[in-house]
């Protein structure tokens, strides 16, 4: 369970870092990347533990490291696509409102 707690804390931090480095962070909330990061990491941690990677010599690092990497990548992908899409949508709505 210690690995679960460490993975959760590390992915929350990485989600906030992803939010902080995104240029379009004003279009979505601060907790979205952190939430996506934790959800992906917890799901992957459960899968890796269920597959038995946490208790085999030589592959014990998999439930510790890979969920953090997968969670960070998940947060980056979601913030990239959602930020660009929402910025484009907001610009189109503003342009339509200004044309009235």
PDB file of N, CA and C in Angstrom:
ATOM      1  N   UNK A   1       0.805  -1.203   0.000  1.00  0.00           N
ATOM      2  CA  UNK A   1       0.000   0.000   0.000  1.00  0.00           C
ATOM      3  C   UNK A   1       0.848   1.267   0.000  1.00  0.00           C
ATOM      4  N   UNK A   2       2.073   1.148   0.480  1.00  0.00           N
ATOM      5  CA  UNK A   2       2.948   2.310   0.464  1.00  0.00           C
ATOM      6  C   UNK A   2       3.196   2.779  -0.967  1.00  0.00           C
ATOM      7  N   UNK A   3       3.335   1.833  -1.868  1.00  0.00           N
ATOM      8  CA  UNK A   3       3.557   2.222  -3.262  1.00  0.00           C
ATOM      9  C   UNK A   3       2.340   2.949  -3.826  1.00  0.00           C
ATOM     10  N   UNK A   4       1.141   2.572  -3.386  1.00  0.00           N
ATOM     11  CA  UNK A   4      -0.077   3.252  -3.841  1.00  0.00           C
ATOM     12  C   UNK A   4      -0.110   4.702  -3.373  1.00  0.00           C
ATOM     13  N   UNK A   5       0.248   4.932  -2.136  1.00  0.00           N
ATOM     14  CA  UNK A   5       0.258   6.292  -1.591  1.00  0.00           C
ATOM     15  C   UNK A   5       1.316   7.142  -2.285  1.00  0.00           C
ATOM     16  N   UNK A   6       2.484   6.597  -2.478  1.00  0.00           N
ATOM     17  CA  UNK A   6       3.557   7.351  -3.138  1.00  0.00           C
ATOM     18  C   UNK A   6       3.196   7.649  -4.586  1.00  0.00           C
ATOM     19  N   UNK A   7       2.616   6.679  -5.258  1.00  0.00           N
ATOM     20  CA  UNK A   7       2.182   6.895  -6.642  1.00  0.00           C
ATOM     21  C   UNK A   7       1.112   7.977  -6.692  1.00  0.00           C
ATOM     22  N   UNK A   8       0.166   7.952  -5.767  1.00  0.00           N
ATOM     23  CA  UNK A   8      -0.898   8.967  -5.750  1.00  0.00           C
ATOM     24  C   UNK A   8      -0.335  10.364  -5.523  1.00  0.00           C
ATOM     25  N   UNK A   9       0.547  10.516  -4.557  1.00  0.00           N
ATOM     26  CA  UNK A   9       1.117  11.834  -4.277  1.00  0.00           C
ATOM     27  C   UNK A   9       1.984  12.339  -5.427  1.00  0.00           C
ATOM     28  N   UNK A  10       2.757  11.450  -6.017  1.00  0.00           N
ATOM     29  CA  UNK A  10       3.619  11.859  -7.132  1.00  0.00           C
ATOM     30  C   UNK A  10       2.801  12.254  -8.353  1.00  0.00           C
ATOM     31  N   UNK A  11       1.713  11.538  -8.615  1.00  0.00           N
ATOM     32  CA  UNK A  11       0.915  11.884  -9.797  1.00  0.00           C
ATOM     33  C   UNK A  11       0.073  13.135  -9.578  1.00  0.00           C
ATOM     34  N   UNK A  12      -0.341  13.380  -8.346  1.00  0.00           N
ATOM     35  CA  UNK A  12      -1.024  14.652  -8.067  1.00  0.00           C
ATOM     36  C   UNK A  12      -0.070  15.808  -8.345  1.00  0.00           C
ATOM     37  N   UNK A  13       1.154  15.676  -7.872  1.00  0.00           N
ATOM     38  CA  UNK A  13       2.156  16.726  -8.113  1.00  0.00           C
ATOM     39  C   UNK A  13       2.444  16.890  -9.601  1.00  0.00           C
ATOM     40  N   UNK A  14       2.557  15.790 -10.310  1.00  0.00           N
ATOM     41  CA  UNK A  14       2.835  15.900 -11.748  1.00  0.00           C
ATOM     42  C   UNK A  14       1.648  16.507 -12.492  1.00  0.00           C
ATOM     43  N   UNK A  15       0.431  16.236 -12.039  1.00  0.00           N
ATOM     44  CA  UNK A  15      -0.747  16.858 -12.654  1.00  0.00           C
ATOM     45  C   UNK A  15      -0.757  18.362 -12.478  1.00  0.00           C
ATOM     46  N   UNK A  16      -0.365  18.832 -11.294  1.00  0.00           N
ATOM     47  CA  UNK A  16      -0.278  20.276 -11.073  1.00  0.00           C
ATOM     48  C   UNK A  16       0.851  20.900 -11.890  1.00  0.00           C
ATOM     49  N   UNK A  17       1.930  20.176 -12.066  1.00  0.00           N
ATOM     50  CA  UNK A  17       3.036  20.673 -12.896  1.00  0.00           C
ATOM     51  C   UNK A  17       2.599  20.769 -14.351  1.00  0.00           C
ATOM     52  N   UNK A  18       1.860  19.772 -14.823  1.00  0.00           N
ATOM     53  CA  UNK A  18       1.344  19.816 -16.204  1.00  0.00           C
ATOM     54  C   UNK A  18       0.426  21.015 -16.370  1.00  0.00           C
ATOM     55  N   UNK A  19      -0.445  21.268 -15.397  1.00  0.00           N
ATOM     56  CA  UNK A  19      -1.346  22.421 -15.470  1.00  0.00           C
ATOM     57  C   UNK A  19      -0.541  23.715 -15.478  1.00  0.00           C
ATOM     58  N   UNK A  20       0.487  23.790 -14.659  1.00  0.00           N
ATOM     59  CA  UNK A  20       1.280  25.009 -14.570  1.00  0.00           C
ATOM     60  C   UNK A  20       2.075  25.318 -15.826  1.00  0.00           C
ATOM     61  N   UNK A  21       2.438  24.311 -16.579  1.00  0.00           N
ATOM     62  CA  UNK A  21       3.242  24.551 -17.775  1.00  0.00           C
ATOM     63  C   UNK A  21       2.409  24.729 -19.039  1.00  0.00           C
ATOM     64  N   UNK A  22       1.113  24.496 -18.947  1.00  0.00           N
ATOM     65  CA  UNK A  22       0.258  24.616 -20.132  1.00  0.00           C
ATOM     66  C   UNK A  22      -0.095  26.077 -20.387  1.00  0.00           C
ATOM     67  N   UNK A  23       0.028  26.505 -21.634  1.00  0.00           N
ATOM     68  CA  UNK A  23      -0.296  27.885 -22.003  1.00  0.00           C
ATOM     69  C   UNK A  23      -1.802  28.157 -21.972  1.00  0.00           C
ATOM     70  N   UNK A  24      -2.595  27.142 -22.192  1.00  0.00           N
ATOM     71  CA  UNK A  24      -4.050  27.299 -22.258  1.00  0.00           C
ATOM     72  C   UNK A  24      -4.719  26.868 -20.959  1.00  0.00           C
ATOM     73  N   UNK A  25      -4.036  27.018 -19.834  1.00  0.00           N
ATOM     74  CA  UNK A  25      -4.579  26.534 -18.571  1.00  0.00           C
ATOM     75  C   UNK A  25      -5.778  27.331 -18.077  1.00  0.00           C
ATOM     76  N   UNK A  26      -6.023  28.474 -18.645  1.00  0.00           N
ATOM     77  CA  UNK A  26      -7.168  29.274 -18.234  1.00  0.00           C
ATOM     78  C   UNK A  26      -8.490  28.756 -18.763  1.00  0.00           C
ATOM     79  N   UNK A  27      -8.455  27.784 -19.649  1.00  0.00           N
ATOM     80  CA  UNK A  27      -9.692  27.278 -20.245  1.00  0.00           C
ATOM     81  C   UNK A  27     -10.269  26.079 -19.510  1.00  0.00           C
ATOM     82  N   UNK A  28      -9.529  25.516 -18.580  1.00  0.00           N
ATOM     83  CA  UNK A  28     -10.028  24.386 -17.795  1.00  0.00           C
ATOM     84  C   UNK A  28      -9.507  24.518 -16.371  1.00  0.00           C
ATOM     85  N   UNK A  29     -10.062  23.751 -15.478  1.00  0.00           N
ATOM     86  CA  UNK A  29      -9.745  23.875 -14.064  1.00  0.00           C
ATOM     87  C   UNK A  29      -8.387  23.320 -13.677  1.00  0.00           C
ATOM     88  N   UNK A  30      -7.929  23.739 -12.521  1.00  0.00           N
ATOM     89  CA  UNK A  30      -6.623  23.329 -12.028  1.00  0.00           C
ATOM     90  C   UNK A  30      -6.595  21.859 -11.628  1.00  0.00           C
ATOM     91  N   UNK A  31      -7.741  21.312 -11.248  1.00  0.00           N
ATOM     92  CA  UNK A  31      -7.756  19.934 -10.777  1.00  0.00           C
ATOM     93  C   UNK A  31      -7.934  18.902 -11.889  1.00  0.00           C
ATOM     94  N   UNK A  32      -8.235  19.332 -13.095  1.00  0.00           N
ATOM     95  CA  UNK A  32      -8.445  18.369 -14.183  1.00  0.00           C
ATOM     96  C   UNK A  32      -7.194  17.542 -14.491  1.00  0.00           C
ATOM     97  N   UNK A  33      -6.036  18.142 -14.739  1.00  0.00           N
ATOM     98  CA  UNK A  33      -4.864  17.301 -15.004  1.00  0.00           C
ATOM     99  C   UNK A  33      -4.469  16.435 -13.804  1.00  0.00           C
ATOM    100  N   UNK A  34      -4.591  16.976 -12.607  1.00  0.00           N
ATOM    101  CA  UNK A  34      -4.259  16.188 -11.417  1.00  0.00           C
ATOM    102  C   UNK A  34      -5.219  15.017 -11.252  1.00  0.00           C
ATOM    103  N   UNK A  35      -6.496  15.240 -11.502  1.00  0.00           N
ATOM    104  CA  UNK A  35      -7.481  14.168 -11.404  1.00  0.00           C
ATOM    105  C   UNK A  35      -7.284  13.088 -12.443  1.00  0.00           C
ATOM    106  N   UNK A  36      -7.013  13.506 -13.665  1.00  0.00           N
ATOM    107  CA  UNK A  36      -6.754  12.525 -14.728  1.00  0.00           C
ATOM    108  C   UNK A  36      -5.483  11.743 -14.425  1.00  0.00           C
ATOM    109  N   UNK A  37      -4.478  12.440 -13.957  1.00  0.00           N
ATOM    110  CA  UNK A  37      -3.216  11.793 -13.629  1.00  0.00           C
ATOM    111  C   UNK A  37      -3.395  10.741 -12.538  1.00  0.00           C
ATOM    112  N   UNK A  38      -4.118  11.080 -11.489  1.00  0.00           N
ATOM    113  CA  UNK A  38      -4.347  10.131 -10.397  1.00  0.00           C
ATOM    114  C   UNK A  38      -5.214   8.964 -10.862  1.00  0.00           C
ATOM    115  N   UNK A  39      -6.234   9.234 -11.647  1.00  0.00           N
ATOM    116  CA  UNK A  39      -7.111   8.158 -12.118  1.00  0.00           C
ATOM    117  C   UNK A  39      -6.343   7.153 -12.982  1.00  0.00           C
ATOM    118  N   UNK A  40      -5.539   7.656 -13.896  1.00  0.00           N
ATOM    119  CA  UNK A  40      -4.750   6.758 -14.759  1.00  0.00           C
ATOM    120  C   UNK A  40      -3.733   5.981 -13.924  1.00  0.00           C
ATOM    121  N   UNK A  41      -3.085   6.660 -13.000  1.00  0.00           N
ATOM    122  CA  UNK A  41      -2.067   5.998 -12.183  1.00  0.00           C
ATOM    123  C   UNK A  41      -2.680   4.930 -11.277  1.00  0.00           C
ATOM    124  N   UNK A  42      -3.812   5.226 -10.652  1.00  0.00           N
ATOM    125  CA  UNK A  42      -4.434   4.248  -9.751  1.00  0.00           C
ATOM    126  C   UNK A  42      -4.924   3.029 -10.529  1.00  0.00           C
ATOM    127  N   UNK A  43      -5.499   3.260 -11.677  1.00  0.00           N
ATOM    128  CA  UNK A  43      -5.969   2.147 -12.495  1.00  0.00           C
ATOM    129  C   UNK A  43      -4.801   1.278 -12.962  1.00  0.00           C
ATOM    130  N   UNK A  44      -3.733   1.918 -13.420  1.00  0.00           N
ATOM    131  CA  UNK A  44      -2.582   1.140 -13.877  1.00  0.00           C
ATOM    132  C   UNK A  44      -1.890   0.443 -12.706  1.00  0.00           C
ATOM    133  N   UNK A  45      -1.839   1.079 -11.524  1.00  0.00           N
ATOM    134  CA  UNK A  45      -1.246   0.434 -10.355  1.00  0.00           C
ATOM    135  C   UNK A  45      -2.030  -0.830  -9.988  1.00  0.00           C
ATOM    136  N   UNK A  46      -3.364  -0.730 -10.001  1.00  0.00           N
ATOM    137  CA  UNK A  46      -4.182  -1.903  -9.678  1.00  0.00           C
ATOM    138  C   UNK A  46      -3.966  -3.022 -10.697  1.00  0.00           C
ATOM    139  N   UNK A  47      -3.859  -2.653 -11.961  1.00  0.00           N
ATOM    140  CA  UNK A  47      -3.632  -3.670 -13.002  1.00  0.00           C
ATOM    141  C   UNK A  47      -2.274  -4.335 -12.812  1.00  0.00           C
ATOM    142  N   UNK A  48      -1.240  -3.543 -12.550  1.00  0.00           N
ATOM    143  CA  UNK A  48       0.093  -4.109 -12.369  1.00  0.00           C
ATOM    144  C   UNK A  48       0.168  -5.003 -11.134  1.00  0.00           C
ATOM    145  N   UNK A  49      -0.472  -4.612 -10.049  1.00  0.00           N
ATOM    146  CA  UNK A  49      -0.478  -5.437  -8.840  1.00  0.00           C
ATOM    147  C   UNK A  49      -1.285  -6.707  -9.088  1.00  0.00           C
ATOM    148  N   UNK A  50      -2.407  -6.583  -9.779  1.00  0.00           N
ATOM    149  CA  UNK A  50      -3.234  -7.754 -10.075  1.00  0.00           C
ATOM    150  C   UNK A  50      -2.481  -8.753 -10.963  1.00  0.00           C
ATOM    151  N   UNK A  51      -1.646  -8.245 -11.844  1.00  0.00           N
ATOM    152  CA  UNK A  51      -0.844  -9.123 -12.695  1.00  0.00           C
ATOM    153  C   UNK A  51       0.344  -9.732 -11.954  1.00  0.00           C
ATOM    154  N   UNK A  52       0.593  -9.266 -10.736  1.00  0.00           N
ATOM    155  CA  UNK A  52       1.642  -9.846  -9.917  1.00  0.00           C
ATOM    156  C   UNK A  52       3.011  -9.222 -10.079  1.00  0.00           C
ATOM    157  N   UNK A  53       3.087  -8.068 -10.694  1.00  0.00           N
ATOM    158  CA  UNK A  53       4.385  -7.432 -10.897  1.00  0.00           C
ATOM    159  C   UNK A  53       4.982  -6.883  -9.609  1.00  0.00           C
ATOM    160  N   UNK A  54       4.185  -6.662  -8.603  1.00  0.00           N
ATOM    161  CA  UNK A  54       4.689  -6.086  -7.361  1.00  0.00           C
ATOM    162  C   UNK A  54       5.426  -7.065  -6.485  1.00  0.00           C
ATOM    163  N   UNK A  55       5.346  -8.333  -6.794  1.00  0.00           N
ATOM    164  CA  UNK A  55       5.899  -9.333  -5.885  1.00  0.00           C
ATOM    165  C   UNK A  55       6.873 -10.284  -6.559  1.00  0.00           C
ATOM    166  N   UNK A  56       7.301  -9.976  -7.757  1.00  0.00           N
ATOM    167  CA  UNK A  56       8.261 -10.821  -8.456  1.00  0.00           C
ATOM    168  C   UNK A  56       9.618 -10.123  -8.474  1.00  0.00           C
ATOM    169  N   UNK A  57      10.672 -10.851  -8.147  1.00  0.00           N
ATOM    170  CA  UNK A  57      12.002 -10.226  -8.176  1.00  0.00           C
ATOM    171  C   UNK A  57      12.349  -9.743  -9.589  1.00  0.00           C
ATOM    172  N   UNK A  58      12.911  -8.553  -9.650  1.00  0.00           N
ATOM    173  CA  UNK A  58      13.328  -8.002 -10.930  1.00  0.00           C
ATOM    174  C   UNK A  58      12.302  -7.095 -11.586  1.00  0.00           C
ATOM    175  N   UNK A  59      11.031  -7.241 -11.237  1.00  0.00           N
ATOM    176  CA  UNK A  59       9.994  -6.388 -11.834  1.00  0.00           C
ATOM    177  C   UNK A  59       9.198  -5.638 -10.763  1.00  0.00           C
ATOM    178  N   UNK A  60       9.731  -5.567  -9.555  1.00  0.00           N
ATOM    179  CA  UNK A  60       9.049  -4.876  -8.465  1.00  0.00           C
ATOM    180  C   UNK A  60       8.931  -3.377  -8.737  1.00  0.00           C
ATOM    181  N   UNK A  61       9.797  -2.823  -9.551  1.00  0.00           N
ATOM    182  CA  UNK A  61       9.776  -1.394  -9.854  1.00  0.00           C
ATOM    183  C   UNK A  61       8.589  -1.004 -10.724  1.00  0.00           C
ATOM    184  N   UNK A  62       7.989  -1.950 -11.434  1.00  0.00           N
ATOM    185  CA  UNK A  62       6.914  -1.623 -12.378  1.00  0.00           C
ATOM    186  C   UNK A  62       5.727  -0.937 -11.689  1.00  0.00           C
ATOM    187  N   UNK A  63       5.181  -1.438 -10.575  1.00  0.00           N
ATOM    188  CA  UNK A  63       4.063  -0.719  -9.950  1.00  0.00           C
ATOM    189  C   UNK A  63       4.472   0.591  -9.282  1.00  0.00           C
ATOM    190  N   UNK A  64       5.744   0.836  -9.115  1.00  0.00           N
ATOM    191  CA  UNK A  64       6.207   2.082  -8.510  1.00  0.00           C
ATOM    192  C   UNK A  64       6.440   3.174  -9.550  1.00  0.00           C
ATOM    193  N   UNK A  65       7.000   2.820 -10.692  1.00  0.00           N
ATOM    194  CA  UNK A  65       7.447   3.823 -11.656  1.00  0.00           C
ATOM    195  C   UNK A  65       6.470   4.012 -12.818  1.00  0.00           C
ATOM    196  N   UNK A  66       6.014   2.941 -13.422  1.00  0.00           N
ATOM    197  CA  UNK A  66       5.167   3.060 -14.614  1.00  0.00           C
ATOM    198  C   UNK A  66       3.847   3.786 -14.377  1.00  0.00           C
ATOM    199  N   UNK A  67       3.151   3.596 -13.246  1.00  0.00           N
ATOM    200  CA  UNK A  67       1.931   4.379 -13.050  1.00  0.00           C
ATOM    201  C   UNK A  67       2.178   5.888 -12.984  1.00  0.00           C
ATOM    202  N   UNK A  68       3.302   6.288 -12.425  1.00  0.00           N
ATOM    203  CA  UNK A  68       3.626   7.723 -12.374  1.00  0.00           C
ATOM    204  C   UNK A  68       3.856   8.253 -13.782  1.00  0.00           C
ATOM    205  N   UNK A  69       4.566   7.505 -14.585  1.00  0.00           N
ATOM    206  CA  UNK A  69       4.827   7.919 -15.973  1.00  0.00           C
ATOM    207  C   UNK A  69       3.527   7.944 -16.770  1.00  0.00           C
ATOM    208  N   UNK A  70       2.724   6.892 -16.638  1.00  0.00           N
ATOM    209  CA  UNK A  70       1.456   6.835 -17.378  1.00  0.00           C
ATOM    210  C   UNK A  70       0.501   7.943 -16.937  1.00  0.00           C
ATOM    211  N   UNK A  71       0.452   8.218 -15.648  1.00  0.00           N
ATOM    212  CA  UNK A  71      -0.411   9.291 -15.151  1.00  0.00           C
ATOM    213  C   UNK A  71       0.006  10.654 -15.660  1.00  0.00           C
ATOM    214  N   UNK A  72       1.302  10.904 -15.682  1.00  0.00           N
ATOM    215  CA  UNK A  72       1.799  12.184 -16.186  1.00  0.00           C
ATOM    216  C   UNK A  72       1.513  12.335 -17.672  1.00  0.00           C
ATOM    217  N   UNK A  73       1.722  11.277 -18.425  1.00  0.00           N
ATOM    218  CA  UNK A  73       1.433  11.321 -19.866  1.00  0.00           C
ATOM    219  C   UNK A  73      -0.063  11.514 -20.101  1.00  0.00           C
ATOM    220  N   UNK A  74      -0.894  10.837 -19.319  1.00  0.00           N
ATOM    221  CA  UNK A  74      -2.350  11.005 -19.450  1.00  0.00           C
ATOM    222  C   UNK A  74      -2.788  12.430 -19.178  1.00  0.00           C
ATOM    223  N   UNK A  75      -2.234  13.043 -18.130  1.00  0.00           N
ATOM    224  CA  UNK A  75      -2.572  14.434 -17.816  1.00  0.00           C
ATOM    225  C   UNK A  75      -2.114  15.374 -18.912  1.00  0.00           C
ATOM    226  N   UNK A  76      -0.933  15.129 -19.466  1.00  0.00           N
ATOM    227  CA  UNK A  76      -0.415  15.991 -20.534  1.00  0.00           C
ATOM    228  C   UNK A  76      -1.262  15.879 -21.792  1.00  0.00           C
ATOM    229  N   UNK A  77      -1.670  14.674 -22.131  1.00  0.00           N
ATOM    230  CA  UNK A  77      -2.486  14.472 -23.337  1.00  0.00           C
ATOM    231  C   UNK A  77      -3.851  15.127 -23.182  1.00  0.00           C
ATOM    232  N   UNK A  78      -4.487  14.928 -22.047  1.00  0.00           N
ATOM    233  CA  UNK A  78      -5.815  15.517 -21.825  1.00  0.00           C
ATOM    234  C   UNK A  78      -5.733  17.037 -21.815  1.00  0.00           C
ATOM    235  N   UNK A  79      -4.745  17.600 -21.130  1.00  0.00           N
ATOM    236  CA  UNK A  79      -4.651  19.057 -21.087  1.00  0.00           C
ATOM    237  C   UNK A  79      -4.288  19.641 -22.443  1.00  0.00           C
ATOM    238  N   UNK A  80      -3.493  18.926 -23.227  1.00  0.00           N
ATOM    239  CA  UNK A  80      -3.141  19.414 -24.559  1.00  0.00           C
ATOM    240  C   UNK A  80      -4.380  19.502 -25.449  1.00  0.00           C
ATOM    241  N   UNK A  81      -5.112  18.396 -25.548  1.00  0.00           N
ATOM    242  CA  UNK A  81      -6.266  18.386 -26.442  1.00  0.00           C
ATOM    243  C   UNK A  81      -7.423  19.226 -25.924  1.00  0.00           C
ATOM    244  N   UNK A  82      -7.699  19.155 -24.640  1.00  0.00           N
ATOM    245  CA  UNK A  82      -8.813  19.922 -24.091  1.00  0.00           C
ATOM    246  C   UNK A  82      -8.523  21.416 -24.112  1.00  0.00           C
ATOM    247  N   UNK A  83      -7.300  21.801 -23.784  1.00  0.00           N
ATOM    248  CA  UNK A  83      -6.941  23.216 -23.795  1.00  0.00           C
ATOM    249  C   UNK A  83      -7.041  23.831 -25.171  1.00  0.00           C
ATOM    250  N   UNK A  84      -6.553  23.138 -26.180  1.00  0.00           N
ATOM    251  CA  UNK A  84      -6.618  23.665 -27.550  1.00  0.00           C
ATOM    252  C   UNK A  84      -8.059  23.720 -28.051  1.00  0.00           C
ATOM    253  N   UNK A  85      -8.814  22.664 -27.755  1.00  0.00           N
ATOM    254  CA  UNK A  85     -10.210  22.610 -28.209  1.00  0.00           C
ATOM    255  C   UNK A  85     -11.032  23.710 -27.542  1.00  0.00           C
ATOM    256  N   UNK A  86     -10.896  23.880 -26.255  1.00  0.00           N
ATOM    257  CA  UNK A  86     -11.675  24.898 -25.552  1.00  0.00           C
ATOM    258  C   UNK A  86     -11.262  26.304 -25.955  1.00  0.00           C
ATOM    259  N   UNK A  87      -9.979  26.523 -26.205  1.00  0.00           N
ATOM    260  CA  UNK A  87      -9.530  27.845 -26.662  1.00  0.00           C
ATOM    261  C   UNK A  87     -10.124  28.167 -28.025  1.00  0.00           C
ATOM    262  N   UNK A  88     -10.101  27.193 -28.927  1.00  0.00           N
ATOM    263  CA  UNK A  88     -10.682  27.393 -30.258  1.00  0.00           C
ATOM    264  C   UNK A  88     -12.184  27.649 -30.156  1.00  0.00           C
ATOM    265  N   UNK A  89     -12.862  26.899 -29.305  1.00  0.00           N
ATOM    266  CA  UNK A  89     -14.308  27.058 -29.132  1.00  0.00           C
ATOM    267  C   UNK A  89     -14.638  28.418 -28.522  1.00  0.00           C
ATOM    268  N   UNK A  90     -13.886  28.833 -27.510  1.00  0.00           N
ATOM    269  CA  UNK A  90     -14.135  30.130 -26.886  1.00  0.00           C
ATOM    270  C   UNK A  90     -13.875  31.280 -27.850  1.00  0.00           C
ATOM    271  N   UNK A  91     -12.840  31.153 -28.677  1.00  0.00           N
ATOM    272  CA  UNK A  91     -12.548  32.188 -29.670  1.00  0.00           C
ATOM    273  C   UNK A  91     -13.665  32.278 -30.700  1.00  0.00           C
ATOM    274  N   UNK A  92     -14.192  31.154 -31.132  1.00  0.00           N
ATOM    275  CA  UNK A  92     -15.291  31.156 -32.104  1.00  0.00           C
ATOM    276  C   UNK A  92     -16.543  31.789 -31.499  1.00  0.00           C
ATOM    277  N   UNK A  93     -16.842  31.489 -30.244  1.00  0.00           N
ATOM    278  CA  UNK A  93     -18.017  32.087 -29.601  1.00  0.00           C
ATOM    279  C   UNK A  93     -17.838  33.582 -29.408  1.00  0.00           C
ATOM    280  N   UNK A  94     -16.655  34.014 -29.047  1.00  0.00           N
ATOM    281  CA  UNK A  94     -16.393  35.443 -28.867  1.00  0.00           C
ATOM    282  C   UNK A  94     -16.508  36.172 -30.202  1.00  0.00           C
ATOM    283  N   UNK A  95     -15.980  35.579 -31.258  1.00  0.00           N
ATOM    284  CA  UNK A  95     -16.077  36.179 -32.588  1.00  0.00           C
ATOM    285  C   UNK A  95     -17.534  36.295 -33.031  1.00  0.00           C
ATOM    286  N   UNK A  96     -18.318  35.256 -32.786  1.00  0.00           N
ATOM    287  CA  UNK A  96     -19.742  35.298 -33.131  1.00  0.00           C
ATOM    288  C   UNK A  96     -20.470  36.370 -32.334  1.00  0.00           C
ATOM    289  N   UNK A  97     -20.132  36.518 -31.077  1.00  0.00           N
ATOM    290  CA  UNK A  97     -20.787  37.535 -30.243  1.00  0.00           C
ATOM    291  C   UNK A  97     -20.406  38.943 -30.695  1.00  0.00           C
ATOM    292  N   UNK A  98     -19.174  39.135 -31.122  1.00  0.00           N
ATOM    293  CA  UNK A  98     -18.736  40.455 -31.555  1.00  0.00           C
ATOM    294  C   UNK A  98     -19.306  40.847 -32.919  1.00  0.00           C
ATOM    295  N   UNK A  99     -19.707  39.864 -33.705  1.00  0.00           N
ATOM    296  CA  UNK A  99     -20.288  40.156 -35.016  1.00  0.00           C
ATOM    297  C   UNK A  99     -21.733  40.621 -34.927  1.00  0.00           C
ATOM    298  N   UNK A 100     -22.359  40.421 -33.808  1.00  0.00           N
ATOM    299  CA  UNK A 100     -23.773  40.817 -33.655  1.00  0.00           C
ATOM    300  C   UNK A 100     -23.925  42.278 -33.643  1.00  0.00           C
TER     301      UNK A 100
END
